[in-house]
PDB file of N, CA and C in Angstrom:
ATOM      1  N   MET A   1    -283.140-162.777 -20.428  1.00  0.00           N
ATOM      2  CA  MET A   1    -281.708-162.309 -20.095  1.00  0.00           C
ATOM      3  C   MET A   1    -281.481-161.069 -20.814  1.00  0.00           C
ATOM      4  N   ALA A   2    -281.088-160.022 -20.124  1.00  0.00           N
ATOM      5  CA  ALA A   2    -280.579-158.790 -20.736  1.00  0.00           C
ATOM      6  C   ALA A   2    -278.991-158.585 -20.766  1.00  0.00           C
ATOM      7  N   LEU A   3    -278.589-158.106 -21.938  1.00  0.00           N
ATOM      8  CA  LEU A   3    -277.122-157.997 -21.985  1.00  0.00           C
ATOM      9  C   LEU A   3    -276.906-156.386 -22.057  1.00  0.00           C
ATOM     10  N   ASN A   4    -276.129-155.882 -21.112  1.00  0.00           N
ATOM     11  CA  ASN A   4    -275.729-154.466 -21.186  1.00  0.00           C
ATOM     12  C   ASN A   4    -274.595-154.298 -22.220  1.00  0.00           C
ATOM     13  N   VAL A   5    -275.059-153.831 -23.474  1.00  0.00           N
ATOM     14  CA  VAL A   5    -273.924-153.908 -24.598  1.00  0.00           C
ATOM     15  C   VAL A   5    -272.745-153.019 -24.280  1.00  0.00           C
ATOM     16  N   VAL A   6    -273.155-151.821 -23.625  1.00  0.00           N
ATOM     17  CA  VAL A   6    -272.039-150.869 -23.329  1.00  0.00           C
ATOM     18  C   VAL A   6    -271.154-151.431 -22.357  1.00  0.00           C
ATOM     19  N   ASP A   7    -271.596-152.062 -21.311  1.00  0.00           N
ATOM     20  CA  ASP A   7    -270.745-152.726 -20.315  1.00  0.00           C
ATOM     21  C   ASP A   7    -269.887-153.879 -20.943  1.00  0.00           C
ATOM     22  N   TYR A   8    -270.556-154.588 -21.727  1.00  0.00           N
ATOM     23  CA  TYR A   8    -269.816-155.490 -22.413  1.00  0.00           C
ATOM     24  C   TYR A   8    -268.721-155.178 -23.318  1.00  0.00           C
ATOM     25  N   PHE A   9    -268.939-154.155 -24.137  1.00  0.00           N
ATOM     26  CA  PHE A   9    -267.886-153.595 -24.850  1.00  0.00           C
ATOM     27  C   PHE A   9    -266.831-152.830 -24.074  1.00  0.00           C
ATOM     28  N   THR A  10    -267.081-152.178 -23.092  1.00  0.00           N
ATOM     29  CA  THR A  10    -266.236-151.616 -22.172  1.00  0.00           C
ATOM     30  C   THR A  10    -265.193-152.716 -21.548  1.00  0.00           C
ATOM     31  N   LYS A  11    -265.833-153.668 -21.083  1.00  0.00           N
ATOM     32  CA  LYS A  11    -264.999-154.753 -20.426  1.00  0.00           C
ATOM     33  C   LYS A  11    -264.013-155.339 -21.600  1.00  0.00           C
ATOM     34  N   LEU A  12    -264.582-155.577 -22.686  1.00  0.00           N
ATOM     35  CA  LEU A  12    -263.757-156.185 -23.907  1.00  0.00           C
ATOM     36  C   LEU A  12    -262.675-155.277 -24.212  1.00  0.00           C
ATOM     37  N   GLN A  13    -262.972-153.898 -24.244  1.00  0.00           N
ATOM     38  CA  GLN A  13    -261.910-152.951 -24.685  1.00  0.00           C
ATOM     39  C   GLN A  13    -260.856-152.884 -23.437  1.00  0.00           C
ATOM     40  N   GLU A  14    -261.317-152.882 -22.348  1.00  0.00           N
ATOM     41  CA  GLU A  14    -260.354-152.903 -21.124  1.00  0.00           C
ATOM     42  C   GLU A  14    -259.444-154.081 -21.167  1.00  0.00           C
ATOM     43  N   GLU A  15    -259.990-155.329 -21.453  1.00  0.00           N
ATOM     44  CA  GLU A  15    -259.187-156.521 -21.527  1.00  0.00           C
ATOM     45  C   GLU A  15    -257.995-156.514 -22.669  1.00  0.00           C
ATOM     46  N   SER A  16    -258.658-155.930 -23.738  1.00  0.00           N
ATOM     47  CA  SER A  16    -257.725-155.755 -24.993  1.00  0.00           C
ATOM     48  C   SER A  16    -256.681-154.959 -24.765  1.00  0.00           C
ATOM     49  N   LEU A  17    -256.949-153.812 -24.103  1.00  0.00           N
ATOM     50  CA  LEU A  17    -255.939-152.807 -23.785  1.00  0.00           C
ATOM     51  C   LEU A  17    -254.932-153.148 -22.847  1.00  0.00           C
ATOM     52  N   ALA A  18    -255.470-154.068 -21.914  1.00  0.00           N
ATOM     53  CA  ALA A  18    -254.470-154.694 -20.933  1.00  0.00           C
ATOM     54  C   ALA A  18    -253.532-155.585 -21.515  1.00  0.00           C
ATOM     55  N   ALA A  19    -253.977-156.414 -22.609  1.00  0.00           N
ATOM     56  CA  ALA A  19    -253.253-157.361 -23.170  1.00  0.00           C
ATOM     57  C   ALA A  19    -252.242-156.670 -24.008  1.00  0.00           C
ATOM     58  N   ILE A  20    -252.435-155.753 -24.840  1.00  0.00           N
ATOM     59  CA  ILE A  20    -251.708-154.895 -25.511  1.00  0.00           C
ATOM     60  C   ILE A  20    -250.663-154.134 -24.831  1.00  0.00           C
ATOM     61  N   LYS A  21    -251.020-153.640 -23.639  1.00  0.00           N
ATOM     62  CA  LYS A  21    -250.092-152.989 -22.760  1.00  0.00           C
ATOM     63  C   LYS A  21    -248.918-154.001 -22.102  1.00  0.00           C
ATOM     64  N   GLN A  22    -249.371-155.377 -21.962  1.00  0.00           N
ATOM     65  CA  GLN A  22    -248.602-156.195 -21.413  1.00  0.00           C
ATOM     66  C   GLN A  22    -247.546-156.563 -22.592  1.00  0.00           C
ATOM     67  N   THR A  23    -247.956-156.746 -23.865  1.00  0.00           N
ATOM     68  CA  THR A  23    -247.150-156.888 -24.992  1.00  0.00           C
ATOM     69  C   THR A  23    -246.035-155.770 -25.128  1.00  0.00           C
ATOM     70  N   GLN A  24    -246.557-154.560 -25.119  1.00  0.00           N
ATOM     71  CA  GLN A  24    -245.657-153.332 -25.171  1.00  0.00           C
ATOM     72  C   GLN A  24    -244.690-153.210 -24.151  1.00  0.00           C
ATOM     73  N   ASP A  25    -245.152-153.635 -22.826  1.00  0.00           N
ATOM     74  CA  ASP A  25    -244.210-153.632 -21.744  1.00  0.00           C
ATOM     75  C   ASP A  25    -243.049-154.693 -21.965  1.00  0.00           C
ATOM     76  N   ALA A  26    -243.407-155.822 -22.447  1.00  0.00           N
ATOM     77  CA  ALA A  26    -242.465-156.820 -22.692  1.00  0.00           C
ATOM     78  C   ALA A  26    -241.389-156.371 -23.825  1.00  0.00           C
ATOM     79  N   SER A  27    -241.991-155.765 -24.764  1.00  0.00           N
ATOM     80  CA  SER A  27    -241.161-155.109 -25.970  1.00  0.00           C
ATOM     81  C   SER A  27    -240.148-154.024 -25.493  1.00  0.00           C
ATOM     82  N   LEU A  28    -240.685-153.122 -24.425  1.00  0.00           N
ATOM     83  CA  LEU A  28    -239.936-152.084 -23.875  1.00  0.00           C
ATOM     84  C   LEU A  28    -238.840-152.616 -22.899  1.00  0.00           C
ATOM     85  N   ASN A  29    -239.223-153.706 -22.346  1.00  0.00           N
ATOM     86  CA  ASN A  29    -238.116-154.409 -21.346  1.00  0.00           C
ATOM     87  C   ASN A  29    -236.952-154.972 -22.280  1.00  0.00           C
ATOM     88  N   ALA A  30    -237.327-155.569 -23.381  1.00  0.00           N
ATOM     89  CA  ALA A  30    -236.278-155.968 -24.335  1.00  0.00           C
ATOM     90  C   ALA A  30    -235.497-154.871 -24.902  1.00  0.00           C
ATOM     91  N   PHE A  31    -235.962-153.855 -25.330  1.00  0.00           N
ATOM     92  CA  PHE A  31    -235.375-152.637 -25.668  1.00  0.00           C
ATOM     93  C   PHE A  31    -234.425-152.096 -24.595  1.00  0.00           C
ATOM     94  N   GLY A  32    -234.817-152.144 -23.443  1.00  0.00           N
ATOM     95  CA  GLY A  32    -234.164-151.665 -22.191  1.00  0.00           C
ATOM     96  C   GLY A  32    -232.985-152.464 -22.023  1.00  0.00           C
ATOM     97  N   LYS A  33    -233.123-153.701 -22.256  1.00  0.00           N
ATOM     98  CA  LYS A  33    -231.841-154.565 -21.980  1.00  0.00           C
ATOM     99  C   LYS A  33    -230.848-154.356 -23.239  1.00  0.00           C
ATOM    100  N   LEU A  34    -231.293-154.101 -24.402  1.00  0.00           N
ATOM    101  CA  LEU A  34    -230.321-153.628 -25.434  1.00  0.00           C
ATOM    102  C   LEU A  34    -229.811-152.319 -25.255  1.00  0.00           C
ATOM    103  N   ARG A  35    -230.577-151.389 -24.707  1.00  0.00           N
ATOM    104  CA  ARG A  35    -229.964-150.193 -24.321  1.00  0.00           C
ATOM    105  C   ARG A  35    -228.849-150.235 -23.154  1.00  0.00           C
ATOM    106  N   GLU A  36    -229.091-151.026 -22.243  1.00  0.00           N
ATOM    107  CA  GLU A  36    -228.015-151.252 -21.115  1.00  0.00           C
ATOM    108  C   GLU A  36    -226.795-151.832 -21.942  1.00  0.00           C
ATOM    109  N   LEU A  37    -227.039-152.710 -22.772  1.00  0.00           N
ATOM    110  CA  LEU A  37    -225.880-153.364 -23.393  1.00  0.00           C
ATOM    111  C   LEU A  37    -224.892-152.112 -24.259  1.00  0.00           C
ATOM    112  N   ASN A  38    -225.723-151.293 -24.925  1.00  0.00           N
ATOM    113  CA  ASN A  38    -225.230-150.253 -25.515  1.00  0.00           C
ATOM    114  C   ASN A  38    -224.464-149.298 -24.588  1.00  0.00           C
ATOM    115  N   LYS A  39    -225.111-149.144 -23.580  1.00  0.00           N
ATOM    116  CA  LYS A  39    -224.530-148.162 -22.389  1.00  0.00           C
ATOM    117  C   LYS A  39    -223.134-148.723 -21.943  1.00  0.00           C
ATOM    118  N   GLU A  40    -223.262-149.984 -21.681  1.00  0.00           N
ATOM    119  CA  GLU A  40    -221.948-150.661 -21.275  1.00  0.00           C
ATOM    120  C   GLU A  40    -220.760-150.523 -22.338  1.00  0.00           C
ATOM    121  N   PHE A  41    -221.166-150.705 -23.541  1.00  0.00           N
ATOM    122  CA  PHE A  41    -220.265-150.430 -24.544  1.00  0.00           C
ATOM    123  C   PHE A  41    -219.642-149.049 -24.538  1.00  0.00           C
ATOM    124  N   ALA A  42    -220.588-148.143 -24.308  1.00  0.00           N
ATOM    125  CA  ALA A  42    -220.114-146.625 -24.220  1.00  0.00           C
ATOM    126  C   ALA A  42    -219.268-146.294 -23.195  1.00  0.00           C
ATOM    127  N   GLU A  43    -219.637-146.921 -21.948  1.00  0.00           N
ATOM    128  CA  GLU A  43    -218.718-146.593 -20.826  1.00  0.00           C
ATOM    129  C   GLU A  43    -217.586-147.339 -20.816  1.00  0.00           C
ATOM    130  N   LYS A  44    -217.417-148.392 -21.524  1.00  0.00           N
ATOM    131  CA  LYS A  44    -216.123-149.221 -21.493  1.00  0.00           C
ATOM    132  C   LYS A  44    -215.713-149.390 -23.018  1.00  0.00           C
ATOM    133  N   PRO A  45    -215.174-148.172 -23.504  1.00  0.00           N
ATOM    134  CA  PRO A  45    -214.822-148.256 -25.133  1.00  0.00           C
ATOM    135  C   PRO A  45    -213.705-149.266 -25.203  1.00  0.00           C
ATOM    136  N   GLY A  46    -213.767-149.888 -26.230  1.00  0.00           N
ATOM    137  CA  GLY A  46    -212.675-150.948 -26.412  1.00  0.00           C
ATOM    138  C   GLY A  46    -212.930-152.293 -25.979  1.00  0.00           C
ATOM    139  N   SER A  47    -213.871-152.380 -25.076  1.00  0.00           N
ATOM    140  CA  SER A  47    -214.229-153.753 -24.539  1.00  0.00           C
ATOM    141  C   SER A  47    -215.231-154.352 -25.599  1.00  0.00           C
ATOM    142  N   VAL A  48    -214.869-155.469 -25.919  1.00  0.00           N
ATOM    143  CA  VAL A  48    -215.828-156.193 -26.865  1.00  0.00           C
ATOM    144  C   VAL A  48    -216.220-157.623 -26.113  1.00  0.00           C
ATOM    145  N   PRO A  49    -217.434-157.630 -26.082  1.00  0.00           N
ATOM    146  CA  PRO A  49    -217.772-159.054 -25.530  1.00  0.00           C
ATOM    147  C   PRO A  49    -217.623-160.220 -26.231  1.00  0.00           C
ATOM    148  N   SER A  50    -217.614-161.249 -25.565  1.00  0.00           N
ATOM    149  CA  SER A  50    -217.389-162.473 -26.441  1.00  0.00           C
ATOM    150  C   SER A  50    -218.767-162.989 -26.676  1.00  0.00           C
ATOM    151  N   PHE A  51    -219.099-163.258 -27.954  1.00  0.00           N
ATOM    152  CA  PHE A  51    -220.290-163.851 -28.416  1.00  0.00           C
ATOM    153  C   PHE A  51    -220.114-165.313 -28.571  1.00  0.00           C
ATOM    154  N   GLU A  52    -221.139-166.058 -27.885  1.00  0.00           N
ATOM    155  CA  GLU A  52    -221.183-167.498 -28.018  1.00  0.00           C
ATOM    156  C   GLU A  52    -222.224-167.875 -28.896  1.00  0.00           C
ATOM    157  N   ASN A  53    -222.007-168.972 -29.712  1.00  0.00           N
ATOM    158  CA  ASN A  53    -223.142-169.566 -30.538  1.00  0.00           C
ATOM    159  C   ASN A  53    -223.764-168.489 -31.473  1.00  0.00           C
ATOM    160  N   LEU A  54    -222.827-167.699 -32.052  1.00  0.00           N
ATOM    161  CA  LEU A  54    -223.310-166.755 -33.000  1.00  0.00           C
ATOM    162  C   LEU A  54    -223.898-167.553 -34.205  1.00  0.00           C
ATOM    163  N   PRO A  55    -225.152-167.284 -34.596  1.00  0.00           N
ATOM    164  CA  PRO A  55    -225.583-168.145 -35.778  1.00  0.00           C
ATOM    165  C   PRO A  55    -224.990-167.532 -37.214  1.00  0.00           C
ATOM    166  N   THR A  56    -224.877-168.455 -38.035  1.00  0.00           N
ATOM    167  CA  THR A  56    -224.500-168.278 -39.391  1.00  0.00           C
ATOM    168  C   THR A  56    -225.747-167.451 -40.022  1.00  0.00           C
ATOM    169  N   PRO A  57    -225.433-166.978 -41.199  1.00  0.00           N
ATOM    170  CA  PRO A  57    -226.547-166.239 -41.898  1.00  0.00           C
ATOM    171  C   PRO A  57    -227.731-167.202 -41.984  1.00  0.00           C
ATOM    172  N   THR A  58    -227.407-168.439 -42.541  1.00  0.00           N
ATOM    173  CA  THR A  58    -228.463-169.371 -42.761  1.00  0.00           C
ATOM    174  C   THR A  58    -229.365-169.722 -41.427  1.00  0.00           C
ATOM    175  N   GLN A  59    -228.558-169.865 -40.405  1.00  0.00           N
ATOM    176  CA  GLN A  59    -229.272-170.148 -39.136  1.00  0.00           C
ATOM    177  C   GLN A  59    -230.119-169.011 -38.663  1.00  0.00           C
ATOM    178  N   LEU A  60    -229.752-167.862 -38.999  1.00  0.00           N
ATOM    179  CA  LEU A  60    -230.388-166.646 -38.573  1.00  0.00           C
ATOM    180  C   LEU A  60    -231.695-166.559 -39.521  1.00  0.00           C
ATOM    181  N   VAL A  61    -231.691-166.938 -40.789  1.00  0.00           N
ATOM    182  CA  VAL A  61    -232.700-166.954 -41.545  1.00  0.00           C
ATOM    183  C   VAL A  61    -233.845-168.079 -41.034  1.00  0.00           C
ATOM    184  N   GLU A  62    -233.322-169.190 -40.747  1.00  0.00           N
ATOM    185  CA  GLU A  62    -234.100-170.240 -40.090  1.00  0.00           C
ATOM    186  C   GLU A  62    -234.774-169.850 -38.775  1.00  0.00           C
ATOM    187  N   LEU A  63    -233.949-169.200 -37.972  1.00  0.00           N
ATOM    188  CA  LEU A  63    -234.480-168.809 -36.630  1.00  0.00           C
ATOM    189  C   LEU A  63    -235.651-167.839 -36.908  1.00  0.00           C
ATOM    190  N   SER A  64    -235.404-166.861 -37.695  1.00  0.00           N
ATOM    191  CA  SER A  64    -236.420-165.776 -38.078  1.00  0.00           C
ATOM    192  C   SER A  64    -237.630-166.332 -38.616  1.00  0.00           C
ATOM    193  N   PHE A  65    -237.463-167.239 -39.636  1.00  0.00           N
ATOM    194  CA  PHE A  65    -238.770-167.782 -40.361  1.00  0.00           C
ATOM    195  C   PHE A  65    -239.571-168.718 -39.193  1.00  0.00           C
ATOM    196  N   GLY A  66    -238.636-169.477 -38.335  1.00  0.00           N
ATOM    197  CA  GLY A  66    -239.365-170.307 -37.411  1.00  0.00           C
ATOM    198  C   GLY A  66    -240.114-169.423 -36.390  1.00  0.00           C
ATOM    199  N   PHE A  67    -239.566-168.342 -36.013  1.00  0.00           N
ATOM    200  CA  PHE A  67    -240.355-167.309 -35.253  1.00  0.00           C
ATOM    201  C   PHE A  67    -241.733-167.077 -35.956  1.00  0.00           C
ATOM    202  N   ALA A  68    -241.492-166.523 -37.163  1.00  0.00           N
ATOM    203  CA  ALA A  68    -242.557-166.047 -38.025  1.00  0.00           C
ATOM    204  C   ALA A  68    -243.688-167.177 -38.091  1.00  0.00           C
ATOM    205  N   SER A  69    -243.228-168.408 -38.313  1.00  0.00           N
ATOM    206  CA  SER A  69    -244.116-169.478 -38.421  1.00  0.00           C
ATOM    207  C   SER A  69    -244.876-169.820 -37.133  1.00  0.00           C
ATOM    208  N   GLN A  70    -244.211-169.641 -36.015  1.00  0.00           N
ATOM    209  CA  GLN A  70    -244.960-169.827 -34.816  1.00  0.00           C
ATOM    210  C   GLN A  70    -245.941-168.738 -34.534  1.00  0.00           C
ATOM    211  N   LEU A  71    -245.552-167.582 -35.004  1.00  0.00           N
ATOM    212  CA  LEU A  71    -246.499-166.537 -34.864  1.00  0.00           C
ATOM    213  C   LEU A  71    -247.750-166.748 -35.653  1.00  0.00           C
ATOM    214  N   LEU A  72    -247.476-167.050 -36.852  1.00  0.00           N
ATOM    215  CA  LEU A  72    -248.659-167.338 -37.676  1.00  0.00           C
ATOM    216  C   LEU A  72    -249.582-168.435 -37.216  1.00  0.00           C
ATOM    217  N   GLU A  73    -248.894-169.440 -36.858  1.00  0.00           N
ATOM    218  CA  GLU A  73    -249.635-170.645 -36.253  1.00  0.00           C
ATOM    219  C   GLU A  73    -250.582-170.135 -35.054  1.00  0.00           C
ATOM    220  N   MET A  74    -249.954-169.305 -34.197  1.00  0.00           N
ATOM    221  CA  MET A  74    -250.661-168.665 -33.104  1.00  0.00           C
ATOM    222  C   MET A  74    -251.820-167.926 -33.381  1.00  0.00           C
ATOM    223  N   ARG A  75    -251.546-166.975 -34.546  1.00  0.00           N
ATOM    224  CA  ARG A  75    -252.660-166.227 -35.038  1.00  0.00           C
ATOM    225  C   ARG A  75    -253.832-167.053 -35.707  1.00  0.00           C
ATOM    226  N   LYS A  76    -253.331-168.124 -36.322  1.00  0.00           N
ATOM    227  CA  LYS A  76    -254.360-169.052 -36.931  1.00  0.00           C
ATOM    228  C   LYS A  76    -255.153-169.686 -35.967  1.00  0.00           C
ATOM    229  N   ALA A  77    -254.568-170.321 -34.925  1.00  0.00           N
ATOM    230  CA  ALA A  77    -255.385-170.817 -33.772  1.00  0.00           C
ATOM    231  C   ALA A  77    -256.367-169.840 -33.118  1.00  0.00           C
ATOM    232  N   TYR A  78    -255.892-168.560 -32.931  1.00  0.00           N
ATOM    233  CA  TYR A  78    -256.735-167.646 -32.393  1.00  0.00           C
ATOM    234  C   TYR A  78    -257.925-167.338 -33.283  1.00  0.00           C
ATOM    235  N   THR A  79    -257.553-166.999 -34.704  1.00  0.00           N
ATOM    236  CA  THR A  79    -258.726-166.819 -35.531  1.00  0.00           C
ATOM    237  C   THR A  79    -259.743-167.894 -35.653  1.00  0.00           C
ATOM    238  N   LEU A  80    -259.181-169.153 -35.678  1.00  0.00           N
ATOM    239  CA  LEU A  80    -260.013-170.311 -35.643  1.00  0.00           C
ATOM    240  C   LEU A  80    -260.993-170.305 -34.546  1.00  0.00           C
ATOM    241  N   LYS A  81    -260.431-170.123 -33.277  1.00  0.00           N
ATOM    242  CA  LYS A  81    -261.320-170.057 -32.011  1.00  0.00           C
ATOM    243  C   LYS A  81    -262.352-168.999 -32.267  1.00  0.00           C
ATOM    244  N   ILE A  82    -262.003-167.982 -32.843  1.00  0.00           N
ATOM    245  CA  ILE A  82    -263.105-166.738 -33.055  1.00  0.00           C
ATOM    246  C   ILE A  82    -264.018-167.273 -34.025  1.00  0.00           C
ATOM    247  N   ALA A  83    -263.633-167.927 -35.144  1.00  0.00           N
ATOM    248  CA  ALA A  83    -264.629-168.380 -36.151  1.00  0.00           C
ATOM    249  C   ALA A  83    -265.563-169.587 -35.476  1.00  0.00           C
ATOM    250  N   GLU A  84    -264.941-170.241 -34.584  1.00  0.00           N
ATOM    251  CA  GLU A  84    -265.772-171.377 -33.834  1.00  0.00           C
ATOM    252  C   GLU A  84    -266.834-170.729 -33.071  1.00  0.00           C
ATOM    253  N   MET A  85    -266.405-169.739 -32.347  1.00  0.00           N
ATOM    254  CA  MET A  85    -267.368-168.917 -31.626  1.00  0.00           C
ATOM    255  C   MET A  85    -268.493-168.362 -32.357  1.00  0.00           C
ATOM    256  N   LEU A  86    -268.078-167.673 -33.448  1.00  0.00           N
ATOM    257  CA  LEU A  86    -269.107-167.033 -34.392  1.00  0.00           C
ATOM    258  C   LEU A  86    -269.950-168.021 -34.962  1.00  0.00           C
ATOM    259  N   VAL A  87    -269.678-169.261 -35.250  1.00  0.00           N
ATOM    260  CA  VAL A  87    -270.535-170.341 -35.829  1.00  0.00           C
ATOM    261  C   VAL A  87    -271.552-170.657 -34.628  1.00  0.00           C
ATOM    262  N   GLU A  88    -271.120-170.780 -33.552  1.00  0.00           N
ATOM    263  CA  GLU A  88    -271.985-171.146 -32.345  1.00  0.00           C
ATOM    264  C   GLU A  88    -272.968-169.989 -32.109  1.00  0.00           C
ATOM    265  N   THR A  89    -272.371-168.895 -32.201  1.00  0.00           N
ATOM    266  CA  THR A  89    -273.347-167.620 -32.057  1.00  0.00           C
ATOM    267  C   THR A  89    -274.357-167.510 -33.178  1.00  0.00           C
ATOM    268  N   GLN A  90    -273.831-167.863 -34.368  1.00  0.00           N
ATOM    269  CA  GLN A  90    -274.779-167.795 -35.494  1.00  0.00           C
ATOM    270  C   GLN A  90    -275.990-168.748 -35.234  1.00  0.00           C
ATOM    271  N   LYS A  91    -275.701-169.986 -34.952  1.00  0.00           N
ATOM    272  CA  LYS A  91    -276.626-171.124 -34.541  1.00  0.00           C
ATOM    273  C   LYS A  91    -277.687-170.650 -33.390  1.00  0.00           C
ATOM    274  N   GLN A  92    -277.203-170.024 -32.505  1.00  0.00           N
ATOM    275  CA  GLN A  92    -278.036-169.488 -31.469  1.00  0.00           C
ATOM    276  C   GLN A  92    -278.906-168.383 -32.039  1.00  0.00           C
ATOM    277  N   ALA A  93    -278.355-167.449 -32.763  1.00  0.00           N
ATOM    278  CA  ALA A  93    -279.203-166.378 -33.320  1.00  0.00           C
ATOM    279  C   ALA A  93    -280.189-166.872 -34.243  1.00  0.00           C
ATOM    280  N   GLU A  94    -279.903-167.858 -35.120  1.00  0.00           N
ATOM    281  CA  GLU A  94    -280.842-168.621 -36.019  1.00  0.00           C
ATOM    282  C   GLU A  94    -281.916-169.149 -35.298  1.00  0.00           C
ATOM    283  N   ALA A  95    -281.733-169.908 -34.200  1.00  0.00           N
ATOM    284  CA  ALA A  95    -282.648-170.653 -33.374  1.00  0.00           C
ATOM    285  C   ALA A  95    -283.668-169.531 -32.747  1.00  0.00           C
ATOM    286  N   ALA A  96    -282.924-168.381 -32.168  1.00  0.00           N
ATOM    287  CA  ALA A  96    -283.818-167.299 -31.609  1.00  0.00           C
ATOM    288  C   ALA A  96    -284.810-166.772 -32.635  1.00  0.00           C
ATOM    289  N   VAL A  97    -284.254-166.527 -33.831  1.00  0.00           N
ATOM    290  CA  VAL A  97    -285.147-165.904 -34.787  1.00  0.00           C
ATOM    291  C   VAL A  97    -286.157-166.950 -35.277  1.00  0.00           C
ATOM    292  N   LYS A  98    -285.851-168.108 -35.283  1.00  0.00           N
ATOM    293  CA  LYS A  98    -286.922-169.146 -35.719  1.00  0.00           C
ATOM    294  C   LYS A  98    -288.160-169.135 -34.664  1.00  0.00           C
ATOM    295  N   VAL A  99    -287.622-169.172 -33.404  1.00  0.00           N
ATOM    296  CA  VAL A  99    -288.704-169.056 -32.350  1.00  0.00           C
ATOM    297  C   VAL A  99    -289.455-167.913 -32.323  1.00  0.00           C
ATOM    298  N   ALA A 100    -288.761-166.720 -32.527  1.00  0.00           N
ATOM    299  CA  ALA A 100    -289.429-165.428 -32.687  1.00  0.00           C
ATOM    300  C   ALA A 100    -290.462-165.323 -33.700  1.00  0.00           C
ATOM    301  N   ALA A 101    -290.049-166.026 -34.897  1.00  0.00           N
ATOM    302  CA  ALA A 101    -290.888-165.888 -36.181  1.00  0.00           C
ATOM    303  C   ALA A 101    -292.065-166.893 -36.137  1.00  0.00           C
ATOM    304  N   LYS A 102    -292.159-167.834 -35.150  1.00  0.00           N
ATOM    305  CA  LYS A 102    -293.203-168.727 -35.115  1.00  0.00           C
ATOM    306  C   LYS A 102    -294.487-167.952 -34.782  1.00  0.00           C
ATOM    307  N   PRO A 103    -295.660-168.313 -35.593  1.00  0.00           N
ATOM    308  CA  PRO A 103    -296.829-167.519 -35.082  1.00  0.00           C
ATOM    309  C   PRO A 103    -297.358-168.011 -33.787  1.00  0.00           C
ATOM    310  N   VAL A 104    -298.020-167.104 -33.155  1.00  0.00           N
ATOM    311  CA  VAL A 104    -298.424-167.402 -31.755  1.00  0.00           C
ATOM    312  C   VAL A 104    -299.919-168.123 -31.883  1.00  0.00           C
ATOM    313  N   SER A 105    -299.869-169.128 -31.165  1.00  0.00           N
ATOM    314  CA  SER A 105    -301.133-169.928 -31.190  1.00  0.00           C
ATOM    315  C   SER A 105    -302.217-169.327 -30.265  1.00  0.00           C
ATOM    316  N   LYS A 106    -303.379-169.292 -30.736  1.00  0.00           N
ATOM    317  CA  LYS A 106    -304.434-168.755 -29.911  1.00  0.00           C
ATOM    318  C   LYS A 106    -305.310-169.888 -29.346  1.00  0.00           C
TER     319      LYS A 106
END
């Protein structure tokens, strides 16, 4: 089996860039909503929206750290999946080296 390394890395890079772009688009969308809110305040000075369920400082800290914890768990799961893939790849490479290193019988 032949593996075209350039094609492989090109595909990997394209998929990675697409994922990053999707994340950036979501971030831009969130900032756009915030900008719309600011624009509404500027167009209607003196109008103050009513905020519901405003968190206390303690709740805000808990929410922030909860998000950070979820993010770390996600990164950990991702990294563990990569590690598992590397273990399997290492086993395959070691097996291939053993086969290649065996003397050829005549």
